[in-house]
């Protein structure tokens, strides 16, 4: 009996030791809180305003204006480039200053399309970028002004915009003015939201048909980085989603995949899908 008690005490002690080690000996993984929506306030200082614009730009614009690939032009030299663009005979806008040009470019992106960056087949007369107040961007006037201020500052130009008290600034106001649908909580939900499984086999998402009409993407992470010279796996996936007819998979016809995801997909959803598909498995 005493031997049984000793064995039991040993077992309890052993379990306790493992439990204590798991709690105190192994570093605990604390998930980061979700990023907060950027809020532009009329009470901000000029520096805070420009900094907020930089964060909005990184969240909503940098995915295309990174300078990698040919999705959208890089904007680091915009302080001088805008004059050349408004002087171009192809220019159809009314801007007379850098501020006006940047705002016009965000609200009327097809007023001027930099050569090589137009929608395929339009002769650079139509921009693939959605209007900044709609679709994937859905920026409100306060956020647009902040992005303009950031781009002016980053290009070394005078910042001519400032936060305006009383303007619609909160994220809730933006959603009320521009319904873009509820953001998918994760990549799998986003893939289902945009019905990607109707046309593709996907990792972790069952296809609707045994033989879907689109390429099998379950192992796209193995080949994405080598599809286009100079593009990383993530850059290639972004391009394939936003401009599906630029590189068409072998044995598949162009025009099968919708080309309006830039108008319908939130930037956060695009990033989740790209990160998920590029993840090594």
Protein backbone atom coordinates (compact mmCIF):
# COMPACT_ATOMS: atom_id res chain seq x y z
CA UNK A 1 0.00 0.00 0.00
CA UNK A 2 2.81 2.35 0.90
CA UNK A 3 4.41 1.58 -2.45
CA UNK A 4 1.19 2.49 -4.23
CA UNK A 5 1.00 5.76 -2.31
CA UNK A 6 4.58 6.56 -3.16
CA UNK A 7 3.91 5.83 -6.84
CA UNK A 8 0.82 8.02 -6.76
CA UNK A 9 2.68 10.85 -5.05
CA UNK A 10 5.45 10.57 -7.61
CA UNK A 11 2.97 10.73 -10.49
CA UNK A 12 1.22 13.76 -8.99
CA UNK A 13 4.57 15.48 -8.44
CA UNK A 14 5.66 14.72 -11.99
CA UNK A 15 2.46 16.12 -13.46
CA UNK A 16 2.79 19.17 -11.25
CA UNK A 17 6.36 19.73 -12.39
CA UNK A 18 5.36 19.59 -16.05
CA UNK A 19 2.46 21.96 -15.40
CA UNK A 20 4.68 24.44 -13.59
CA UNK A 21 7.26 24.27 -16.37
CA UNK A 22 4.62 24.84 -19.04
CA UNK A 23 3.38 27.92 -17.19
CA UNK A 24 6.61 29.44 -15.92
CA UNK A 25 9.40 27.79 -17.91
CA UNK A 26 8.12 28.25 -21.44
CA UNK A 27 7.75 31.81 -22.72
CA UNK A 28 4.07 32.57 -23.15
CA UNK A 29 2.86 33.68 -26.56
CA UNK A 30 0.65 36.72 -26.19
CA UNK A 31 -1.22 37.57 -29.40
CA UNK A 32 -0.95 41.14 -30.56
CA UNK A 33 -4.17 43.14 -30.48
CA UNK A 34 -5.73 43.85 -33.88
CA UNK A 35 -4.56 47.13 -35.41
CA UNK A 36 -6.82 50.02 -34.53
CA UNK A 37 -8.59 51.98 -37.22
CA UNK A 38 -6.69 55.16 -38.01
CA UNK A 39 -8.60 58.22 -36.82
CA UNK A 40 -7.75 61.68 -38.07
CA UNK A 41 -8.74 64.44 -35.68
CA UNK A 42 -9.04 68.18 -36.14
CA UNK A 43 -7.13 68.54 -32.85
CA UNK A 44 -3.98 66.92 -34.28
CA UNK A 45 -0.75 68.84 -34.65
CA UNK A 46 0.73 69.12 -38.14
CA UNK A 47 3.30 66.43 -37.30
CA UNK A 48 0.63 64.05 -35.97
CA UNK A 49 -1.50 64.70 -39.05
CA UNK A 50 1.32 63.84 -41.47
CA UNK A 51 2.27 60.78 -39.40
CA UNK A 52 -1.34 59.56 -39.52
CA UNK A 53 -1.30 60.05 -43.28
CA UNK A 54 1.81 57.88 -43.47
CA UNK A 55 0.08 55.08 -41.60
CA UNK A 56 -3.00 55.32 -43.80
CA UNK A 57 -0.77 55.30 -46.90
CA UNK A 58 1.06 52.19 -45.68
CA UNK A 59 -2.24 50.43 -44.99
CA UNK A 60 -4.22 51.42 -48.06
CA UNK A 61 -1.81 52.51 -50.81
CA UNK A 62 1.64 50.97 -50.42
CA UNK A 63 0.48 47.52 -51.53
CA UNK A 64 0.34 48.91 -55.11
CA UNK A 65 2.58 52.00 -54.96
CA UNK A 66 5.58 50.13 -53.56
CA UNK A 67 7.65 50.51 -56.72
CA UNK A 68 7.86 46.73 -57.08
CA UNK A 69 6.43 45.30 -60.27
CA UNK A 70 4.23 47.52 -62.42
CA UNK A 71 0.95 47.78 -60.54
CA UNK A 72 1.22 51.51 -59.81
CA UNK A 73 3.92 54.19 -60.02
CA UNK A 74 6.10 54.99 -57.04
CA UNK A 75 5.32 58.43 -55.61
CA UNK A 76 8.61 59.51 -54.06
CA UNK A 77 9.29 62.07 -56.82
CA UNK A 78 5.74 63.35 -57.08
CA UNK A 79 6.77 66.90 -56.02
CA UNK A 80 8.30 67.44 -59.48
CA UNK A 81 6.59 64.71 -61.51
CA UNK A 82 3.12 66.23 -61.14
CA UNK A 83 4.10 69.26 -63.27
CA UNK A 84 5.23 67.01 -66.12
CA UNK A 85 2.02 65.02 -65.89
CA UNK A 86 -0.38 67.96 -66.01
CA UNK A 87 1.58 69.31 -69.00
CA UNK A 88 1.17 66.01 -70.85
CA UNK A 89 -1.37 66.28 -73.73
CA UNK A 90 -3.02 63.13 -72.35
CA UNK A 91 -3.88 64.89 -69.08
CA UNK A 92 -7.65 65.42 -68.68
CA UNK A 93 -7.79 67.00 -65.24
CA UNK A 94 -7.88 70.52 -63.82
CA UNK A 95 -5.15 70.52 -61.15
CA UNK A 96 -3.07 73.68 -60.70
CA UNK A 97 -1.01 72.59 -57.69
CA UNK A 98 0.51 69.47 -56.15
CA UNK A 99 -2.29 69.29 -53.59
CA UNK A 100 -4.95 69.52 -56.28
CA UNK A 101 -3.16 66.92 -58.41
CA UNK A 102 -2.88 64.43 -55.54
CA UNK A 103 -6.52 64.88 -54.55
CA UNK A 104 -7.64 64.60 -58.17
CA UNK A 105 -5.55 61.45 -58.62
CA UNK A 106 -7.28 59.86 -55.63
CA UNK A 107 -10.81 60.91 -56.59
CA UNK A 108 -10.54 60.74 -60.40
CA UNK A 109 -7.69 58.28 -61.03
CA UNK A 110 -8.27 58.16 -64.78
CA UNK A 111 -7.78 61.92 -65.22
CA UNK A 112 -4.16 61.00 -65.91
CA UNK A 113 -2.66 57.53 -66.20
CA UNK A 114 1.12 57.22 -66.11
CA UNK A 115 2.33 55.33 -69.18
CA UNK A 116 2.47 51.61 -68.57
CA UNK A 117 0.12 51.66 -65.59
CA UNK A 118 -3.30 51.65 -67.25
CA UNK A 119 -5.77 48.82 -67.42
CA UNK A 120 -4.70 46.32 -70.10
CA UNK A 121 -6.24 47.12 -73.46
CA UNK A 122 -7.11 50.74 -72.64
CA UNK A 123 -3.98 52.38 -74.04
CA UNK A 124 -3.25 53.90 -70.63
CA UNK A 125 -6.48 55.91 -70.69
CA UNK A 126 -8.16 54.08 -67.81
CA UNK A 127 -6.59 53.58 -64.41
CA UNK A 128 -7.01 50.29 -62.52
CA UNK A 129 -7.07 52.27 -59.26
CA UNK A 130 -10.54 52.62 -57.70
CA UNK A 131 -11.78 55.99 -56.51
CA UNK A 132 -10.24 56.50 -53.06
CA UNK A 133 -13.61 56.99 -51.35
CA UNK A 134 -14.96 53.68 -52.63
CA UNK A 135 -14.20 50.00 -52.96
CA UNK A 136 -11.03 48.63 -51.44
CA UNK A 137 -9.78 52.01 -50.23
CA UNK A 138 -12.91 53.69 -48.78
CA UNK A 139 -11.06 56.72 -47.39
CA UNK A 140 -12.99 59.66 -45.96
CA UNK A 141 -12.09 63.35 -46.58
CA UNK A 142 -9.98 63.58 -43.42
CA UNK A 143 -7.96 60.51 -44.37
CA UNK A 144 -7.49 61.72 -47.95
CA UNK A 145 -6.15 65.05 -46.67
CA UNK A 146 -3.78 63.22 -44.31
CA UNK A 147 -2.42 61.07 -47.15
CA UNK A 148 -1.90 64.19 -49.28
CA UNK A 149 0.01 65.81 -46.41
CA UNK A 150 2.16 62.71 -45.99
CA UNK A 151 2.99 62.52 -49.72
CA UNK A 152 3.85 66.23 -49.81
CA UNK A 153 6.12 65.84 -46.79
CA UNK A 154 7.76 62.64 -48.06
CA UNK A 155 8.52 64.30 -51.40
CA UNK A 156 10.08 67.33 -49.72
CA UNK A 157 7.29 69.72 -50.68
CA UNK A 158 5.39 72.17 -48.53
CA UNK A 159 2.48 70.58 -46.66
CA UNK A 160 -0.55 72.62 -47.68
CA UNK A 161 -3.29 70.58 -45.99
CA UNK A 162 -4.35 70.46 -42.35
CA UNK A 163 -6.89 68.54 -40.29
CA UNK A 164 -10.29 70.21 -40.38
CA UNK A 165 -12.44 70.12 -37.23
CA UNK A 166 -15.96 68.95 -37.94
CA UNK A 167 -15.10 66.95 -41.07
CA UNK A 168 -16.29 63.32 -41.23
CA UNK A 169 -13.24 61.59 -39.77
CA UNK A 170 -14.23 58.46 -37.89
CA UNK A 171 -14.15 55.00 -39.42
CA UNK A 172 -17.83 54.55 -38.60
CA UNK A 173 -18.66 57.62 -40.70
CA UNK A 174 -16.66 56.22 -43.60
CA UNK A 175 -18.54 52.96 -43.48
CA UNK A 176 -21.87 54.76 -43.32
CA UNK A 177 -21.03 56.78 -46.43
CA UNK A 178 -19.39 54.00 -48.40
CA UNK A 179 -20.79 50.55 -47.72
CA UNK A 180 -18.07 48.08 -48.63
CA UNK A 181 -19.38 45.08 -46.74
CA UNK A 182 -18.20 43.58 -43.51
CA UNK A 183 -14.49 42.77 -43.46
CA UNK A 184 -13.73 39.06 -43.42
CA UNK A 185 -12.22 38.04 -40.05
CA UNK A 186 -9.51 35.81 -41.56
CA UNK A 187 -8.06 34.61 -44.84
CA UNK A 188 -10.26 31.52 -45.17
CA UNK A 189 -13.37 33.63 -44.63
CA UNK A 190 -12.09 36.15 -47.19
CA UNK A 191 -11.52 33.41 -49.77
CA UNK A 192 -15.08 32.23 -49.24
CA UNK A 193 -16.47 35.78 -49.24
CA UNK A 194 -15.10 36.38 -52.74
CA UNK A 195 -16.08 32.84 -53.82
CA UNK A 196 -12.54 31.92 -54.80
CA UNK A 197 -13.38 28.26 -54.18
CA UNK A 198 -15.85 28.33 -57.09
CA UNK A 199 -12.90 28.40 -59.49
CA UNK A 200 -9.91 27.13 -57.51
CA UNK A 201 -8.72 24.34 -55.27
CA UNK A 202 -7.41 26.23 -52.22
CA UNK A 203 -5.49 25.29 -49.08
CA UNK A 204 -7.99 24.73 -46.28
CA UNK A 205 -11.03 25.60 -48.40
CA UNK A 206 -12.95 22.93 -50.29
CA UNK A 207 -13.63 23.66 -53.95
CA UNK A 208 -17.25 23.76 -55.08
CA UNK A 209 -16.53 21.36 -57.94
CA UNK A 210 -14.29 18.35 -58.37
CA UNK A 211 -12.68 20.01 -61.38
CA UNK A 212 -12.94 23.79 -60.91
CA UNK A 213 -12.30 26.01 -63.96
CA UNK A 214 -9.29 27.85 -62.48
CA UNK A 215 -5.73 26.80 -61.56
CA UNK A 216 -5.11 24.70 -58.45
CA UNK A 217 -3.71 27.06 -55.78
CA UNK A 218 -3.11 24.60 -52.97
CA UNK A 219 0.65 24.70 -53.54
CA UNK A 220 0.99 28.11 -55.18
CA UNK A 221 3.53 29.05 -52.49
CA UNK A 222 6.02 26.71 -54.18
CA UNK A 223 5.90 28.40 -57.58
CA UNK A 224 4.66 31.98 -57.09
CA UNK A 225 8.12 33.48 -56.53
CA UNK A 226 9.42 32.15 -59.83
CA UNK A 227 6.54 33.10 -62.11
CA UNK A 228 7.70 36.64 -62.97
CA UNK A 229 11.31 37.81 -62.77
CA UNK A 230 11.74 40.43 -60.09
CA UNK A 231 8.49 39.68 -58.25
CA UNK A 232 8.38 37.97 -54.87
CA UNK A 233 5.68 35.38 -54.19
CA UNK A 234 3.52 37.97 -52.45
CA UNK A 235 3.99 40.57 -55.20
CA UNK A 236 3.02 38.01 -57.81
CA UNK A 237 -0.09 36.99 -55.87
CA UNK A 238 -1.17 40.62 -55.45
CA UNK A 239 -0.73 41.19 -59.18
CA UNK A 240 -2.63 38.00 -60.02
CA UNK A 241 -5.59 39.07 -57.89
CA UNK A 242 -5.77 42.70 -59.00
CA UNK A 243 -4.67 42.17 -62.63
CA UNK A 244 -5.60 38.56 -63.39
CA UNK A 245 -4.99 38.80 -67.13
CA UNK A 246 -1.37 39.98 -66.95
CA UNK A 247 0.01 36.47 -66.37
CA UNK A 248 -2.40 33.67 -67.24
CA UNK A 249 -1.58 30.14 -66.09
CA UNK A 250 -0.75 27.61 -68.78
CA UNK A 251 -3.76 25.84 -70.29
CA UNK A 252 -6.18 28.50 -69.00
CA UNK A 253 -7.91 31.24 -70.97
CA UNK A 254 -7.65 34.97 -70.11
CA UNK A 255 -10.78 36.75 -68.98
CA UNK A 256 -12.10 33.96 -66.75
CA UNK A 257 -11.25 35.65 -63.45
CA UNK A 258 -13.06 38.85 -62.39
CA UNK A 259 -10.85 41.94 -62.76
CA UNK A 260 -12.71 44.18 -60.30
CA UNK A 261 -11.34 42.98 -56.98
CA UNK A 262 -9.64 46.34 -56.50
CA UNK A 263 -13.15 47.80 -56.30
CA UNK A 264 -14.61 45.11 -54.05
CA UNK A 265 -11.83 43.78 -51.84
CA UNK A 266 -10.62 45.62 -48.75
CA UNK A 267 -6.87 46.11 -48.52
CA UNK A 268 -6.80 44.12 -45.28
CA UNK A 269 -8.59 41.23 -46.99
CA UNK A 270 -6.13 41.31 -49.89
CA UNK A 271 -3.20 41.13 -47.48
CA UNK A 272 -4.75 38.24 -45.53
CA UNK A 273 -5.37 36.23 -48.72
CA UNK A 274 -1.89 36.89 -50.11
CA UNK A 275 -0.17 36.01 -46.82
CA UNK A 276 -2.25 32.84 -46.53
CA UNK A 277 -1.56 31.62 -50.06
CA UNK A 278 2.16 32.45 -49.80
CA UNK A 279 2.54 30.59 -46.49
CA UNK A 280 4.77 27.52 -46.76
CA UNK A 281 2.94 24.31 -45.90
